[in-house]
Every structure is written in C-alpha cells, then in structure tokens.
Amino acid sequence: MAVSIRLRREGAKNRPYYKVVVADSRCPRDGKFIEIIGTYDPKKPAHNSTIKLDRAEYWISKGAQPSDTVRSLIKKNKKHTATAQVAPESERTQTPAET
C-alpha cells in the first residue's frame, strides 16, 4: 500500500481550511484516511499550521511520501519549534542577570 501525507480540504466555499492527513494514495482527496496529523489555514496570517512532527517523522520513516505543500509545512513547523525553544532559554538567562 502506497501511503502519502497530504492535505484534505474542508471549510466553506472561498474559505478553505485543510487537515494534514496520512492516507492511501489511491483514495480520493477528501476520502478515507488513516490518521490526522495536523491542520493548515491558508487565510490566516503568520504561523498558520500545526503538525504533530513526531507522527509525521514516524510515517515518513515507514515510507509515506509527503506532498510538496506538506513537505514545506513540516519544514516551517520544524523551524518554528526550534525558534520557540531557543527564545525561552534566552529569556531565562536575561531574567536572573536583571535581578
């Protein structure tokens, strides 16, 4: 079974909202899927997606092929989580020095 990680469209007309799903590549876009691993809202500014990176890495290690859009979303989420982890550490080092 060829598994892919792709977007599943939801939302109203002219108001798209996507869920990132793991699905058999033979199933239709909005059809049956194996697991929901995230969301993507293209109308929202700035950070507009959430993905369970551990589940995405698990499925990729099992041979799942992410679509081009999902691949870029995973990359952006990895970058965002790395930045989020670095920011609190720098705040912690500044707080004791000020007191």
Protein backbone atom coordinates (compact mmCIF):
# COMPACT_ATOMS: atom_id res chain seq x y z
CA MET A 1 0.00 0.00 0.00
CA ALA A 2 1.46 3.36 -1.06
CA VAL A 3 0.89 5.87 1.74
CA SER A 4 1.03 9.63 1.29
CA ILE A 5 0.84 12.60 3.63
CA ARG A 6 -1.38 15.21 2.01
CA LEU A 7 -3.99 17.90 2.56
CA ARG A 8 -7.70 17.18 2.97
CA ARG A 9 -9.86 20.19 2.09
CA GLU A 10 -12.57 21.32 4.46
CA GLY A 11 -14.32 24.61 5.07
CA ALA A 12 -16.84 26.66 3.14
CA LYS A 13 -16.74 27.96 -0.40
CA ASN A 14 -13.99 30.59 -0.76
CA ARG A 15 -12.91 29.84 2.83
CA PRO A 16 -10.58 26.83 2.58
CA TYR A 17 -9.30 25.01 5.63
CA TYR A 18 -7.13 21.92 5.38
CA LYS A 19 -6.30 18.96 7.57
CA VAL A 20 -2.97 17.20 7.10
CA VAL A 21 -3.76 13.50 6.80
CA VAL A 22 -1.97 10.24 6.20
CA ALA A 23 -3.88 8.34 3.52
CA ASP A 24 -3.58 5.59 0.95
CA SER A 25 -2.53 7.31 -2.27
CA ARG A 26 -5.32 5.54 -4.18
CA CYS A 27 -8.08 7.16 -2.07
CA PRO A 28 -9.72 10.42 -3.21
CA ARG A 29 -8.56 13.76 -1.80
CA ASP A 30 -11.38 14.08 0.74
CA GLY A 31 -11.95 10.33 1.13
CA LYS A 32 -10.85 7.73 3.63
CA PHE A 33 -7.65 8.38 5.59
CA ILE A 34 -5.51 6.64 8.19
CA GLU A 35 -4.66 9.46 10.62
CA ILE A 36 -5.00 13.24 11.02
CA ILE A 37 -1.62 14.72 11.95
CA GLY A 38 -2.25 18.46 11.63
CA THR A 39 -4.10 21.46 10.24
CA TYR A 40 -3.40 24.28 7.78
CA ASP A 41 -5.34 27.54 7.38
CA PRO A 42 -4.06 29.44 4.32
CA LYS A 43 -6.20 32.53 5.08
CA LYS A 44 -4.60 33.07 8.49
CA PRO A 45 -1.54 35.35 8.55
CA ALA A 46 1.82 34.39 10.09
CA HIS A 47 2.06 30.91 11.67
CA ASN A 48 -0.96 29.20 10.10
CA SER A 49 -0.32 25.48 10.54
CA THR A 50 0.08 22.88 13.25
CA ILE A 51 1.61 19.49 12.65
CA LYS A 52 2.47 16.66 15.02
CA LEU A 53 6.10 16.41 13.94
CA ASP A 54 6.70 13.14 15.76
CA ARG A 55 3.86 11.45 13.87
CA ALA A 56 4.98 12.96 10.56
CA GLU A 57 8.51 11.64 11.11
CA TYR A 58 7.10 8.24 12.08
CA TRP A 59 5.09 7.94 8.86
CA ILE A 60 7.96 9.20 6.71
CA SER A 61 10.22 6.57 8.32
CA LYS A 62 7.63 3.93 7.35
CA GLY A 63 7.77 5.06 3.71
CA ALA A 64 4.99 7.65 3.44
CA GLN A 65 5.59 10.31 0.78
CA PRO A 66 4.59 13.87 1.77
CA SER A 67 3.13 16.14 -0.90
CA ASP A 68 5.12 19.24 -1.83
CA THR A 69 2.90 21.52 0.28
CA VAL A 70 3.03 19.22 3.30
CA ARG A 71 6.81 18.93 2.96
CA SER A 72 7.11 22.74 3.16
CA LEU A 73 4.68 22.88 6.11
CA ILE A 74 6.75 20.31 8.01
CA LYS A 75 9.90 22.33 7.30
CA LYS A 76 8.25 25.57 8.54
CA ASN A 77 6.94 23.87 11.68
CA LYS A 78 10.38 22.44 12.48
CA LYS A 79 11.85 25.91 12.11
CA HIS A 80 9.11 27.44 14.26
CA THR A 81 9.54 24.91 17.08
CA ALA A 82 13.32 25.37 17.03
CA THR A 83 12.87 29.14 17.31
CA ALA A 84 10.29 28.73 20.09
CA GLN A 85 12.67 26.53 22.08
CA VAL A 86 15.57 28.96 21.75
CA ALA A 87 13.53 32.05 22.78
CA PRO A 88 12.55 30.89 26.31
CA GLU A 89 16.15 29.90 27.06
CA SER A 90 17.41 33.39 26.16
CA GLU A 91 14.66 34.95 28.31
CA ARG A 92 15.68 32.77 31.25
CA THR A 93 19.31 33.88 31.04
CA GLN A 94 18.32 37.55 30.93
CA THR A 95 15.92 37.41 33.89
CA PRO A 96 18.49 36.42 36.63
CA ALA A 97 21.01 38.98 35.36
CA GLU A 98 18.48 41.80 35.75
CA THR A 99 17.72 40.99 39.40
